[in-house]
Amino acid sequence: VLEEEKETDAEIVTPMLCDKPEDVLPVVTDDKNVTDMVQDSSHENQQLIEELKANIQKLNQEKEQIASELQELQTQAKKLTKELEDERQEKDALCSKLEKNQNKFLKLNRVSLAVTREYADALDQLELEQSLRYEAETYASKVLKEKKAISRQSMLLMQNVQPNDMLMKALEDVRSLTTTLEDTKQKLQIQIKSLELQLSERPTQEEFLAIQENLNVVTTEKSQIEEELKGMKEKVTQLEEQVKSLEEELKKNETSAQSPDDVSVVAPPVLPPPPPPPPPPPPPPPPGLSKTPEDPLALIKQRRGVRKSEEPSETGGPDARANAVREMMERIKSGVILRPARSDRKEVAAETSKRKSVISELQGILLETVRKPMRKASRHRMSRKGKDSELESVLQRRRRMVDTPQRSDSTRKTIKKSESMKKSKREYY
């Protein structure tokens, strides 16, 4: 801005110098009015510049306002174009719906016209048949009257006058005419009855509407039944998958039952080694009790609510299971509802949980007793009776809790193990 001001000052001063080049130097040196004039002109120029700046700022503000208004107008134009397109699409959809409705209306008009025509034709035919029936009945009554009159005349003639050839011929003609009349009457009656049956078999408009409603109801019921069938099929597939999974689990159990020795070797947990006892070492346990304390297969079967068999390699076990699975599959396919499982499993689960807690407590007690440091023989002798009495009381209490009518072999083995450990301790002490 300062550079622009300097340039404007120079432009203002240069024409004044150019007009009077001779008188410039003496005026500058001698008079001080020139400086005042220059200052005044510079002030005026500054004022002009400020005014121009203010005008430029106003113009910029107006330009920004116009640009914002332009953007708003453009956004409004876009919105209007979108609304126009939506309205056109709605208009097209409404036009297509209108055309479809018009076509349906025309079809309904055609059908209604055809139905009304058929109804009018049926009414005309009914009136014609009724009129024909009335005429036939009147004609038949007239013929009967004439026949009766002729029969009377013939009877009178036969009684009064001897029959002539002409009279006999006339009587024969009358008989033939009466037979033909009766035949025609029977035929007409048969035709009238058939027409009446046809008219009675034709459904009325109300019956037709009722039949249509029944049809709609039947179609809805059919769709519901189809949906129910789909749901039942899905349930059947789910049940088949469950049965397959159960069969696989049974096969796995059978394979594990065929190799119980391997499982018994791998499954039992390894107890931490006790600290090295001082001499003399304790005697080894008897050979009958040196086996694994628990059978893991028995524990698995107890968890699943299955009683342990005394001999794992019994004949007929897998076949019985396979037969049971087949029977269950057949019942599911035939739609037989199976009975719910009994509540014995809950009792078995509670018993197994109790047994597990008892076993864990016994193991903890035995480990604590084994891991305790060896004290002097005098103290052991003094406290031996107290410890033995405590252990016996604890074991008796646990036996009372565990001893139930359905006690398994695993609990017996744990009790035997605890007794053997107790005996070994007594011998050691």
Protein backbone atom coordinates (compact mmCIF):
# COMPACT_ATOMS: atom_id res chain seq x y z
CA VAL A 1 0.00 0.00 0.00
CA LEU A 2 2.84 2.39 0.83
CA GLU A 3 4.48 1.69 -2.52
CA GLU A 4 1.20 2.45 -4.28
CA GLU A 5 0.88 5.72 -2.33
CA LYS A 6 4.46 6.69 -3.26
CA GLU A 7 3.78 5.96 -6.92
CA THR A 8 0.61 8.06 -6.87
CA ASP A 9 2.50 10.94 -5.18
CA ALA A 10 5.22 10.76 -7.82
CA GLU A 11 2.64 10.75 -10.61
CA ILE A 12 0.96 13.82 -9.12
CA VAL A 13 4.24 15.73 -8.63
CA THR A 14 5.83 14.97 -12.05
CA PRO A 15 3.35 16.94 -14.22
CA MET A 16 3.85 19.97 -12.04
CA LEU A 17 7.63 19.72 -12.53
CA CYS A 18 7.26 19.20 -16.25
CA ASP A 19 5.10 22.31 -16.68
CA LYS A 20 7.66 24.68 -15.08
CA PRO A 21 11.11 23.14 -15.12
CA GLU A 22 12.88 26.46 -14.85
CA ASP A 23 11.12 27.76 -11.78
CA VAL A 24 11.20 24.53 -9.75
CA LEU A 25 14.58 24.88 -8.07
CA PRO A 26 14.21 28.43 -6.86
CA VAL A 27 10.71 27.68 -5.57
CA VAL A 28 11.89 24.62 -3.71
CA THR A 29 14.86 26.33 -2.20
CA ASP A 30 13.26 29.60 -1.39
CA ASP A 31 9.56 29.00 -0.67
CA LYS A 32 8.02 26.64 1.87
CA ASN A 33 4.58 26.72 0.26
CA VAL A 34 5.51 23.98 -2.13
CA THR A 35 5.95 21.52 0.70
CA ASP A 36 2.58 22.44 2.09
CA MET A 37 0.99 21.87 -1.29
CA VAL A 38 2.66 18.50 -1.61
CA GLN A 39 1.49 17.53 1.86
CA ASP A 40 -2.05 18.61 1.06
CA SER A 41 -2.01 16.63 -2.17
CA SER A 42 -0.63 13.59 -0.37
CA HIS A 43 -3.42 13.85 2.24
CA GLU A 44 -6.00 14.08 -0.50
CA ASN A 45 -4.46 11.12 -2.25
CA GLN A 46 -4.53 9.13 0.98
CA GLN A 47 -8.18 10.00 1.44
CA LEU A 48 -8.90 8.94 -2.13
CA ILE A 49 -7.00 5.71 -1.59
CA GLU A 50 -8.95 5.01 1.61
CA GLU A 51 -12.20 5.69 -0.19
CA LEU A 52 -11.15 3.40 -3.02
CA LYS A 53 -10.19 0.72 -0.49
CA ALA A 54 -13.55 1.05 1.19
CA ASN A 55 -15.25 0.78 -2.19
CA ILE A 56 -13.16 -2.27 -3.04
CA GLN A 57 -14.08 -3.91 0.28
CA LYS A 58 -17.75 -3.17 -0.32
CA LEU A 59 -17.48 -4.60 -3.82
CA ASN A 60 -15.74 -7.71 -2.46
CA GLN A 61 -18.46 -8.15 0.15
CA GLU A 62 -21.12 -7.74 -2.52
CA LYS A 63 -19.26 -10.21 -4.69
CA GLU A 64 -19.15 -12.75 -1.83
CA GLN A 65 -22.85 -12.22 -1.15
CA ILE A 66 -23.65 -12.68 -4.82
CA ALA A 67 -21.48 -15.84 -4.94
CA SER A 68 -23.25 -17.27 -1.86
CA GLU A 69 -26.63 -16.40 -3.39
CA LEU A 70 -25.49 -18.06 -6.62
CA GLN A 71 -24.52 -21.22 -4.72
CA GLU A 72 -27.86 -21.23 -2.92
CA LEU A 73 -29.67 -20.78 -6.21
CA GLN A 74 -27.66 -23.61 -7.75
CA THR A 75 -28.47 -25.92 -4.81
CA GLN A 76 -32.13 -24.93 -5.07
CA ALA A 77 -32.03 -25.62 -8.80
CA LYS A 78 -30.51 -29.07 -8.14
CA LYS A 79 -33.16 -29.81 -5.53
CA LEU A 80 -35.88 -28.68 -7.92
CA THR A 81 -34.47 -30.86 -10.70
CA LYS A 82 -34.38 -33.85 -8.31
CA GLU A 83 -37.94 -33.16 -7.23
CA LEU A 84 -38.94 -32.86 -10.89
CA GLU A 85 -37.34 -36.22 -11.66
CA ASP A 86 -39.04 -37.82 -8.65
CA GLU A 87 -42.38 -36.35 -9.67
CA ARG A 88 -41.85 -37.60 -13.22
CA GLN A 89 -41.07 -41.08 -11.92
CA GLU A 90 -44.15 -40.96 -9.69
CA LYS A 91 -46.18 -39.75 -12.65
CA ASP A 92 -44.90 -42.62 -14.79
CA ALA A 93 -45.68 -45.12 -12.02
CA LEU A 94 -49.16 -43.66 -11.59
CA CYS A 95 -49.71 -43.76 -15.34
CA SER A 96 -48.67 -47.42 -15.46
CA LYS A 97 -50.95 -48.20 -12.50
CA LEU A 98 -53.78 -46.31 -14.19
CA GLU A 99 -53.28 -48.28 -17.38
CA LYS A 100 -53.28 -51.56 -15.46
CA ASN A 101 -56.41 -50.55 -13.55
CA GLN A 102 -58.10 -49.47 -16.77
CA ASN A 103 -57.26 -52.80 -18.37
CA LYS A 104 -58.61 -54.63 -15.33
CA PHE A 105 -61.73 -52.45 -15.38
CA LEU A 106 -62.27 -53.20 -19.07
CA LYS A 107 -61.84 -56.92 -18.43
CA LEU A 108 -64.30 -56.75 -15.55
CA ASN A 109 -66.76 -54.85 -17.73
CA ARG A 110 -66.46 -57.48 -20.43
CA VAL A 111 -66.93 -60.29 -17.94
CA SER A 112 -69.88 -58.54 -16.31
CA LEU A 113 -71.48 -57.92 -19.70
CA ALA A 114 -71.02 -61.56 -20.65
CA VAL A 115 -72.48 -62.66 -17.31
CA THR A 116 -75.46 -60.31 -17.67
CA ARG A 117 -76.05 -61.57 -21.21
CA GLU A 118 -75.96 -65.17 -20.04
CA TYR A 119 -78.31 -64.32 -17.19
CA ALA A 120 -80.72 -62.56 -19.58
CA ASP A 121 -80.58 -65.51 -21.99
CA ALA A 122 -81.27 -67.90 -19.13
CA LEU A 123 -84.23 -65.80 -17.99
CA ASP A 124 -85.62 -65.69 -21.55
CA GLN A 125 -85.21 -69.44 -21.89
CA LEU A 126 -86.94 -69.97 -18.55
CA GLU A 127 -89.88 -67.79 -19.56
CA LEU A 128 -90.12 -69.60 -22.91
CA GLU A 129 -90.05 -72.99 -21.22
CA GLN A 130 -92.68 -71.90 -18.70
CA SER A 131 -94.93 -70.62 -21.51
CA LEU A 132 -94.41 -73.85 -23.48
CA ARG A 133 -95.22 -75.87 -20.42
CA TYR A 134 -98.44 -73.89 -19.86
CA GLU A 135 -99.43 -74.33 -23.51
CA ALA A 136 -98.65 -78.05 -23.38
CA GLU A 137 -100.71 -78.47 -20.22
CA THR A 138 -103.70 -76.61 -21.77
CA TYR A 139 -103.41 -78.64 -24.97
CA ALA A 140 -103.22 -81.87 -22.97
CA SER A 141 -106.31 -80.93 -20.95
CA LYS A 142 -108.21 -80.16 -24.17
CA VAL A 143 -107.13 -83.47 -25.69
CA LEU A 144 -108.26 -85.31 -22.56
CA LYS A 145 -111.64 -83.64 -22.71
CA GLU A 146 -112.03 -84.50 -26.39
CA LYS A 147 -110.89 -88.04 -25.72
CA LYS A 148 -113.40 -88.45 -22.96
CA ALA A 149 -116.16 -87.04 -25.15
CA ILE A 150 -115.22 -89.33 -28.04
CA SER A 151 -115.05 -92.33 -25.73
CA ARG A 152 -118.52 -91.54 -24.43
CA GLN A 153 -119.90 -91.12 -27.94
CA SER A 154 -118.30 -94.35 -29.04
CA MET A 155 -119.74 -96.16 -26.06
CA LEU A 156 -123.19 -94.78 -26.84
CA LEU A 157 -122.89 -95.72 -30.47
CA MET A 158 -121.72 -99.21 -29.61
CA GLN A 159 -124.61 -99.64 -27.26
CA ASN A 160 -127.31 -98.22 -29.53
CA VAL A 161 -126.22 -98.99 -33.09
CA GLN A 162 -124.39 -101.90 -34.55
CA PRO A 163 -120.87 -101.07 -35.61
CA ASN A 164 -120.24 -100.24 -39.18
CA ASP A 165 -116.98 -100.37 -41.11
CA MET A 166 -116.68 -96.58 -41.18
CA LEU A 167 -117.25 -96.30 -37.45
CA MET A 168 -114.69 -98.96 -36.73
CA LYS A 169 -112.11 -97.15 -38.85
CA ALA A 170 -112.90 -93.88 -37.07
CA LEU A 171 -112.50 -95.54 -33.70
CA GLU A 172 -109.16 -97.02 -34.72
CA ASP A 173 -108.01 -93.60 -35.94
CA VAL A 174 -109.06 -92.07 -32.64
CA ARG A 175 -107.13 -94.73 -30.72
CA SER A 176 -104.01 -94.18 -32.78
CA LEU A 177 -104.30 -90.41 -32.31
CA THR A 178 -104.71 -90.81 -28.57
CA THR A 179 -101.62 -93.05 -28.38
CA THR A 180 -99.55 -90.56 -30.38
CA LEU A 181 -100.83 -87.72 -28.19
CA GLU A 182 -99.89 -89.60 -25.03
CA ASP A 183 -96.41 -90.38 -26.43
CA THR A 184 -95.83 -86.73 -27.35
CA LYS A 185 -97.10 -85.69 -23.92
CA GLN A 186 -94.67 -88.05 -22.20
CA LYS A 187 -91.80 -86.80 -24.34
CA LEU A 188 -92.66 -83.19 -23.55
CA GLN A 189 -92.86 -83.96 -19.85
CA ILE A 190 -89.45 -85.63 -19.97
CA GLN A 191 -88.00 -82.61 -21.77
CA ILE A 192 -89.57 -80.22 -19.25
CA LYS A 193 -88.13 -82.21 -16.34
CA SER A 194 -84.66 -82.24 -17.90
CA LEU A 195 -84.84 -78.46 -18.47
CA GLU A 196 -85.96 -77.93 -14.88
CA LEU A 197 -83.06 -80.05 -13.64
CA GLN A 198 -80.61 -78.04 -15.75
CA LEU A 199 -82.02 -74.79 -14.39
CA SER A 200 -81.84 -76.06 -10.82
CA GLU A 201 -78.24 -77.26 -11.34
CA ARG A 202 -77.13 -73.86 -12.63
CA PRO A 203 -75.67 -71.85 -9.73
CA THR A 204 -77.00 -68.41 -8.94
CA GLN A 205 -74.85 -65.33 -8.50
CA GLU A 206 -74.87 -65.66 -4.71
CA GLU A 207 -73.79 -69.30 -4.93
CA PHE A 208 -71.10 -68.34 -7.44
CA LEU A 209 -69.74 -65.66 -5.06
CA ALA A 210 -69.84 -68.11 -2.15
CA ILE A 211 -67.89 -70.66 -4.22
CA GLN A 212 -65.30 -68.00 -5.08
CA GLU A 213 -64.93 -67.08 -1.39
CA ASN A 214 -64.52 -70.75 -0.50
CA LEU A 215 -61.86 -71.04 -3.21
CA ASN A 216 -59.95 -68.07 -1.76
CA VAL A 217 -60.16 -69.57 1.73
CA VAL A 218 -58.93 -72.92 0.42
CA THR A 219 -55.98 -71.27 -1.37
CA THR A 220 -54.99 -69.40 1.82
CA GLU A 221 -55.23 -72.61 3.84
CA LYS A 222 -53.15 -74.39 1.22
CA SER A 223 -50.43 -71.71 1.43
CA GLN A 224 -50.44 -71.96 5.24
CA ILE A 225 -50.19 -75.75 5.07
CA GLU A 226 -47.29 -75.45 2.60
CA GLU A 227 -45.48 -73.08 4.99
CA GLU A 228 -46.08 -75.49 7.87
CA LEU A 229 -44.75 -78.33 5.71
CA LYS A 230 -41.60 -76.33 4.99
CA GLY A 231 -41.13 -75.70 8.73
CA MET A 232 -41.65 -79.39 9.49
CA LYS A 233 -39.13 -80.36 6.80
CA GLU A 234 -36.58 -77.99 8.33
CA LYS A 235 -37.24 -79.48 11.78
CA VAL A 236 -36.81 -82.99 10.34
CA THR A 237 -33.47 -82.01 8.79
CA GLN A 238 -32.33 -80.51 12.11
CA LEU A 239 -33.37 -83.68 13.95
CA GLU A 240 -31.52 -85.83 11.42
CA GLU A 241 -28.39 -83.73 11.94
CA GLN A 242 -28.76 -84.11 15.71
CA VAL A 243 -29.15 -87.87 15.31
CA LYS A 244 -26.04 -88.00 13.13
CA SER A 245 -24.08 -86.07 15.74
CA LEU A 246 -25.36 -88.44 18.45
CA GLU A 247 -24.33 -91.45 16.35
CA GLU A 248 -20.86 -89.98 15.93
CA GLU A 249 -20.59 -89.40 19.68
CA LEU A 250 -21.72 -92.99 20.32
CA LYS A 251 -19.12 -94.28 17.89
CA LYS A 252 -16.45 -92.22 19.65
CA ASN A 253 -17.58 -93.60 23.01
CA GLU A 254 -17.46 -97.15 21.63
CA THR A 255 -13.94 -96.63 20.32
CA SER A 256 -12.87 -95.21 23.68
CA ALA A 257 -14.56 -98.17 25.44
CA GLN A 258 -12.66 -100.65 23.22
CA SER A 259 -9.32 -99.17 24.35
CA PRO A 260 -9.78 -98.49 28.13
CA ASP A 261 -6.22 -99.43 29.04
CA ASP A 262 -4.71 -96.63 26.92
CA VAL A 263 -7.12 -94.09 28.32
CA SER A 264 -6.45 -95.20 31.86
CA VAL A 265 -2.73 -94.77 31.26
CA VAL A 266 -3.07 -91.25 29.82
CA ALA A 267 -6.05 -89.77 31.67
CA PRO A 268 -5.24 -89.73 35.44
CA PRO A 269 -3.43 -86.60 36.60
CA VAL A 270 0.13 -86.86 37.79
CA LEU A 271 0.54 -85.92 41.43
CA PRO A 272 3.53 -83.78 42.41
CA PRO A 273 6.44 -85.81 43.86
CA PRO A 274 6.65 -85.79 47.67
CA PRO A 275 9.77 -84.52 49.41
CA PRO A 276 12.56 -87.07 49.96
CA PRO A 277 11.81 -88.94 53.20
CA PRO A 278 14.55 -89.62 55.70
CA PRO A 279 15.84 -93.15 56.21
CA PRO A 280 14.42 -95.70 56.70
CA PRO A 281 12.25 -95.37 53.55
CA PRO A 282 8.60 -96.34 53.74
CA PRO A 283 7.69 -99.81 52.55
CA PRO A 284 6.05 -100.02 49.12
CA PRO A 285 2.28 -100.41 48.95
CA PRO A 286 0.82 -103.86 48.38
CA PRO A 287 0.67 -105.05 44.77
CA GLY A 288 -3.13 -105.17 44.73
CA LEU A 289 -3.34 -101.43 45.43
CA SER A 290 -0.55 -100.22 43.12
CA LYS A 291 -2.85 -99.83 40.14
CA THR A 292 -4.35 -96.57 38.91
CA PRO A 293 -6.80 -95.18 41.44
CA GLU A 294 -9.60 -94.26 39.09
CA ASP A 295 -11.01 -95.41 35.78
CA PRO A 296 -11.54 -92.30 33.57
CA LEU A 297 -14.16 -94.12 31.49
CA ALA A 298 -16.22 -94.64 34.64
CA LEU A 299 -16.00 -90.94 35.47
CA ILE A 300 -17.07 -89.99 31.91
CA LYS A 301 -20.01 -92.39 32.07
CA GLN A 302 -21.01 -91.05 35.49
CA ARG A 303 -21.00 -87.50 34.12
CA ARG A 304 -23.27 -88.52 31.26
CA GLY A 305 -25.59 -90.49 33.53
CA VAL A 306 -24.55 -93.95 32.32
CA ARG A 307 -23.86 -96.75 34.80
CA LYS A 308 -20.47 -98.35 34.58
CA SER A 309 -20.49 -101.92 33.42
CA GLU A 310 -18.33 -104.31 35.42
CA GLU A 311 -16.82 -105.82 32.26
CA PRO A 312 -16.05 -103.20 29.56
CA SER A 313 -15.74 -105.79 26.79
CA GLU A 314 -19.29 -107.13 27.00
CA THR A 315 -20.78 -108.65 23.89
CA GLY A 316 -23.86 -106.97 22.40
CA GLY A 317 -23.18 -103.42 23.78
CA PRO A 318 -22.58 -101.58 20.49
CA ASP A 319 -25.35 -103.58 18.77
CA ALA A 320 -27.87 -102.54 21.43
CA ARG A 321 -26.82 -98.90 21.08
CA ALA A 322 -27.08 -99.06 17.28
CA ASN A 323 -30.54 -100.64 17.54
CA ALA A 324 -31.65 -97.92 19.96
CA VAL A 325 -30.40 -95.21 17.59
CA ARG A 326 -32.22 -96.84 14.66
CA GLU A 327 -35.45 -97.04 16.63
CA MET A 328 -35.12 -93.38 17.57
CA MET A 329 -34.56 -92.44 13.89
CA GLU A 330 -37.61 -94.43 12.81
CA ARG A 331 -39.74 -92.78 15.50
CA ILE A 332 -38.59 -89.31 14.45
CA LYS A 333 -39.32 -90.06 10.77
CA SER A 334 -42.77 -91.49 11.57
CA GLY A 335 -43.59 -88.45 13.74
CA VAL A 336 -43.71 -90.19 17.14
CA ILE A 337 -43.19 -87.74 20.02
CA LEU A 338 -40.53 -89.06 22.39
CA ARG A 339 -40.99 -88.89 26.14
CA PRO A 340 -38.99 -86.27 28.03
CA ALA A 341 -35.89 -87.43 29.85
CA ARG A 342 -36.30 -88.39 33.48
CA SER A 343 -34.93 -86.38 36.34
CA ASP A 344 -32.48 -89.19 37.33
CA ARG A 345 -29.69 -87.43 35.48
CA LYS A 346 -29.93 -84.45 37.82
CA GLU A 347 -29.59 -86.74 40.83
CA VAL A 348 -26.64 -88.55 39.20
CA ALA A 349 -24.99 -85.21 38.38
CA ALA A 350 -25.43 -84.04 41.98
CA GLU A 351 -23.95 -87.30 43.28
CA THR A 352 -21.00 -87.07 40.89
CA SER A 353 -20.35 -83.45 41.95
CA LYS A 354 -20.44 -84.54 45.61
CA ARG A 355 -18.04 -87.39 44.89
CA LYS A 356 -15.68 -85.09 43.02
CA SER A 357 -15.67 -82.62 45.90
CA VAL A 358 -15.02 -85.45 48.38
CA ILE A 359 -12.18 -86.84 46.25
CA SER A 360 -10.58 -83.41 45.85
CA GLU A 361 -10.79 -82.76 49.62
CA LEU A 362 -9.28 -86.17 50.41
CA GLN A 363 -6.45 -85.59 47.94
CA GLY A 364 -5.78 -82.17 49.51
CA ILE A 365 -5.69 -83.64 53.01
CA LEU A 366 -3.35 -86.44 51.94
CA LEU A 367 -1.02 -84.06 50.08
CA GLU A 368 -0.86 -81.74 53.10
CA THR A 369 -0.03 -84.66 55.37
CA VAL A 370 2.64 -85.95 52.97
CA ARG A 371 4.25 -82.53 52.32
CA LYS A 372 4.62 -81.63 56.02
CA PRO A 373 8.29 -81.71 57.17
CA MET A 374 9.36 -84.61 59.28
CA ARG A 375 9.57 -83.75 62.94
CA LYS A 376 11.11 -85.56 65.81
CA ALA A 377 9.97 -89.07 66.58
CA SER A 378 8.75 -88.07 70.02
CA ARG A 379 6.38 -85.46 68.65
CA HIS A 380 5.12 -87.88 66.00
CA ARG A 381 4.52 -90.49 68.64
CA MET A 382 2.64 -88.02 70.80
CA SER A 383 0.52 -86.58 67.98
CA ARG A 384 0.07 -89.83 66.05
CA LYS A 385 -3.04 -90.86 67.91
CA GLY A 386 -4.65 -87.44 67.49
CA LYS A 387 -3.96 -87.32 63.74
CA ASP A 388 -5.18 -90.86 63.23
CA SER A 389 -8.37 -90.09 65.11
CA GLU A 390 -8.91 -86.91 63.05
CA LEU A 391 -8.31 -88.75 59.78
CA GLU A 392 -10.64 -91.54 60.81
CA SER A 393 -13.38 -89.09 61.77
CA VAL A 394 -13.01 -87.19 58.46
CA LEU A 395 -13.03 -90.40 56.44
CA GLN A 396 -16.05 -91.75 58.29
CA ARG A 397 -17.91 -88.50 57.71
CA ARG A 398 -17.06 -88.58 54.01
CA ARG A 399 -18.08 -92.21 53.80
CA ARG A 400 -21.48 -91.39 55.27
CA MET A 401 -21.94 -88.61 52.70
CA VAL A 402 -20.76 -90.75 49.80
CA ASP A 403 -22.37 -94.09 50.78
CA THR A 404 -25.59 -94.14 48.70
CA PRO A 405 -27.43 -97.06 47.01
CA GLN A 406 -25.87 -96.07 43.66
CA ARG A 407 -22.20 -95.84 44.74
CA SER A 408 -19.80 -96.23 41.82
CA ASP A 409 -16.49 -98.09 41.63
CA SER A 410 -14.45 -94.90 41.33
CA THR A 411 -15.42 -93.74 44.83
CA ARG A 412 -14.60 -97.19 46.24
CA LYS A 413 -11.17 -97.05 44.63
CA THR A 414 -10.50 -93.60 46.10
CA ILE A 415 -11.53 -94.85 49.56
CA LYS A 416 -9.24 -97.89 49.17
CA LYS A 417 -6.42 -95.60 48.12
CA SER A 418 -6.94 -93.36 51.17
CA GLU A 419 -6.99 -96.44 53.46
CA SER A 420 -3.81 -97.80 51.87
CA MET A 421 -2.12 -94.41 52.30
CA LYS A 422 -3.22 -94.33 55.93
CA LYS A 423 -1.83 -97.84 56.52
CA SER A 424 1.46 -96.93 54.87
CA LYS A 425 1.72 -93.84 57.10
CA ARG A 426 1.05 -95.90 60.20
CA GLU A 427 3.71 -98.41 59.20
CA TYR A 428 6.12 -95.56 58.47
CA TYR A 429 5.49 -93.88 61.81
